[in-house]
Amino acid sequence: MDKADAAADSKNILVVEDEIMIRMLLEDMLGDLGYTVAGAVGRIDDAIKLAKTGDFDMAILDVNLAGQTVSPVAEILEERGLPFVFATGYGERGLPEKFMNRPTLQKPFQQDNLSKILSQAFERAAVA
């Protein structure tokens, strides 16, 4: 088992992505990396509910959910002390200003980059 597999061992990920094909691709990639998908939603109201009460170790948040910013979800996760990464096709300039320092996963996704970003986010959370 390599370091990435060890890091992924028994980690549950919440996926918040409004594009169904991208969400399915992310779920497949996460499974390939050894993560468990704790939930996958595409609407802001569903994401807020899960952010408040869900049992997961980290979240991947699409910055823009059908024209709505994911900031309310990020704020809930921050209050709960749960790590998260943003997913965007717009680069860091697309991030909400308050969260500019958060790890960002660039679309289109590459599995190696997904693994690296999640590992970095978990390491960062362990130090925080």
Protein backbone atom coordinates (compact mmCIF):
# COMPACT_ATOMS: atom_id res chain seq x y z
CA MET A 1 0.00 0.00 0.00
CA ASP A 2 1.55 3.32 -1.03
CA LYS A 3 1.28 6.60 0.86
CA ALA A 4 -1.76 7.82 -1.12
CA ASP A 5 -3.60 4.56 -0.47
CA ALA A 6 -2.78 4.79 3.23
CA ALA A 7 -4.04 8.38 3.33
CA ALA A 8 -7.26 7.34 1.62
CA ASP A 9 -7.79 4.41 3.95
CA SER A 10 -11.32 4.68 5.39
CA LYS A 11 -11.73 8.38 4.56
CA ASN A 12 -15.27 9.44 3.70
CA ILE A 13 -15.73 12.23 1.17
CA LEU A 14 -18.77 14.42 0.51
CA VAL A 15 -19.04 15.43 -3.15
CA VAL A 16 -20.97 18.62 -3.97
CA GLU A 17 -21.15 18.99 -7.77
CA ASP A 18 -24.13 20.06 -9.89
CA GLU A 19 -23.00 18.43 -13.17
CA ILE A 20 -24.11 14.79 -12.94
CA MET A 21 -21.40 13.46 -15.27
CA ILE A 22 -18.65 15.26 -13.35
CA ARG A 23 -20.12 14.04 -10.07
CA MET A 24 -20.11 10.45 -11.34
CA LEU A 25 -16.55 10.81 -12.62
CA LEU A 26 -15.44 12.16 -9.23
CA GLU A 27 -17.16 9.29 -7.43
CA ASP A 28 -15.37 6.77 -9.67
CA MET A 29 -11.99 8.47 -9.18
CA LEU A 30 -12.45 8.61 -5.42
CA GLY A 31 -13.34 4.91 -5.35
CA ASP A 32 -10.26 4.10 -7.43
CA LEU A 33 -8.14 6.05 -4.92
CA GLY A 34 -9.58 4.09 -1.98
CA TYR A 35 -11.92 6.75 -0.62
CA THR A 36 -15.56 6.16 0.28
CA VAL A 37 -18.16 8.59 -1.04
CA ALA A 38 -20.24 9.56 1.99
CA GLY A 39 -22.69 11.49 -0.16
CA ALA A 40 -22.97 13.15 -3.54
CA VAL A 41 -25.35 16.05 -4.11
CA GLY A 42 -25.84 18.70 -6.75
CA ARG A 43 -28.12 21.24 -5.10
CA ILE A 44 -27.21 23.93 -2.59
CA ASP A 45 -30.04 23.05 -0.16
CA ASP A 46 -29.03 19.37 -0.08
CA ALA A 47 -25.39 20.38 0.37
CA ILE A 48 -26.26 22.65 3.31
CA LYS A 49 -28.19 19.84 5.03
CA LEU A 50 -25.31 17.40 4.64
CA ALA A 51 -22.75 20.03 5.66
CA LYS A 52 -24.64 20.56 8.93
CA THR A 53 -25.22 16.93 9.86
CA GLY A 54 -23.27 14.63 7.54
CA ASP A 55 -20.67 12.14 8.71
CA PHE A 56 -17.64 12.59 6.45
CA ASP A 57 -13.96 13.47 6.71
CA MET A 58 -13.67 15.98 3.87
CA ALA A 59 -15.78 17.64 1.18
CA ILE A 60 -15.13 18.50 -2.45
CA LEU A 61 -17.17 21.60 -3.28
CA ASP A 62 -17.97 22.82 -6.77
CA VAL A 63 -17.66 26.62 -6.47
CA ASN A 64 -20.75 27.31 -8.59
CA LEU A 65 -23.88 25.20 -8.13
CA ALA A 66 -26.31 26.10 -10.92
CA GLY A 67 -25.48 29.77 -10.53
CA GLN A 68 -25.38 29.75 -6.72
CA THR A 69 -22.16 30.14 -4.75
CA VAL A 70 -21.17 27.25 -2.50
CA SER A 71 -19.95 29.71 0.19
CA PRO A 72 -22.75 28.89 2.69
CA VAL A 73 -21.68 25.23 2.61
CA ALA A 74 -18.00 26.15 3.02
CA GLU A 75 -18.84 28.35 6.01
CA ILE A 76 -20.72 25.49 7.73
CA LEU A 77 -17.81 23.11 7.13
CA GLU A 78 -15.35 25.67 8.45
CA GLU A 79 -17.46 26.08 11.63
CA ARG A 80 -17.50 22.28 12.06
CA GLY A 81 -13.74 22.14 11.56
CA LEU A 82 -14.07 19.83 8.55
CA PRO A 83 -11.56 20.14 5.71
CA PHE A 84 -12.74 20.86 2.19
CA VAL A 85 -11.35 21.59 -1.25
CA PHE A 86 -12.93 23.59 -4.02
CA ALA A 87 -13.47 22.33 -7.54
CA THR A 88 -13.58 24.94 -10.27
CA GLY A 89 -12.95 25.47 -13.93
CA TYR A 90 -12.17 29.13 -13.28
CA GLY A 91 -8.94 28.76 -11.33
CA GLU A 92 -8.33 30.45 -7.99
CA ARG A 93 -9.91 33.71 -9.16
CA GLY A 94 -13.25 31.88 -9.14
CA LEU A 95 -13.03 31.19 -5.40
CA PRO A 96 -14.99 33.18 -2.83
CA GLU A 97 -12.58 35.80 -1.47
CA LYS A 98 -12.84 34.52 2.12
CA PHE A 99 -11.59 31.10 0.99
CA MET A 100 -8.78 32.07 -1.42
CA ASN A 101 -6.27 30.12 0.69
CA ARG A 102 -8.12 26.80 0.34
CA PRO A 103 -6.86 23.93 -1.83
CA THR A 104 -8.35 24.01 -5.31
CA LEU A 105 -8.98 21.18 -7.71
CA GLN A 106 -8.87 22.41 -11.29
CA LYS A 107 -11.45 21.11 -13.77
CA PRO A 108 -11.14 19.02 -15.84
CA PHE A 109 -10.03 16.57 -13.16
CA GLN A 110 -6.98 14.36 -13.35
CA GLN A 111 -6.87 11.44 -10.89
CA ASP A 112 -3.24 12.12 -9.90
CA ASN A 113 -4.05 15.73 -9.12
CA LEU A 114 -7.17 14.73 -7.17
CA SER A 115 -5.08 12.36 -5.04
CA LYS A 116 -2.42 15.02 -4.44
CA ILE A 117 -4.91 17.78 -3.52
CA LEU A 118 -6.84 15.53 -1.10
CA SER A 119 -3.61 14.32 0.55
CA GLN A 120 -2.43 17.90 0.97
CA ALA A 121 -5.79 18.97 2.41
CA PHE A 122 -5.79 16.10 4.93
CA GLU A 123 -2.19 16.90 5.94
CA ARG A 124 -3.08 20.57 6.33
CA ALA A 125 -6.12 19.68 8.46
CA ALA A 126 -4.01 17.44 10.70
CA VAL A 127 -1.61 20.34 11.39
CA ALA A 128 -4.34 22.96 11.92
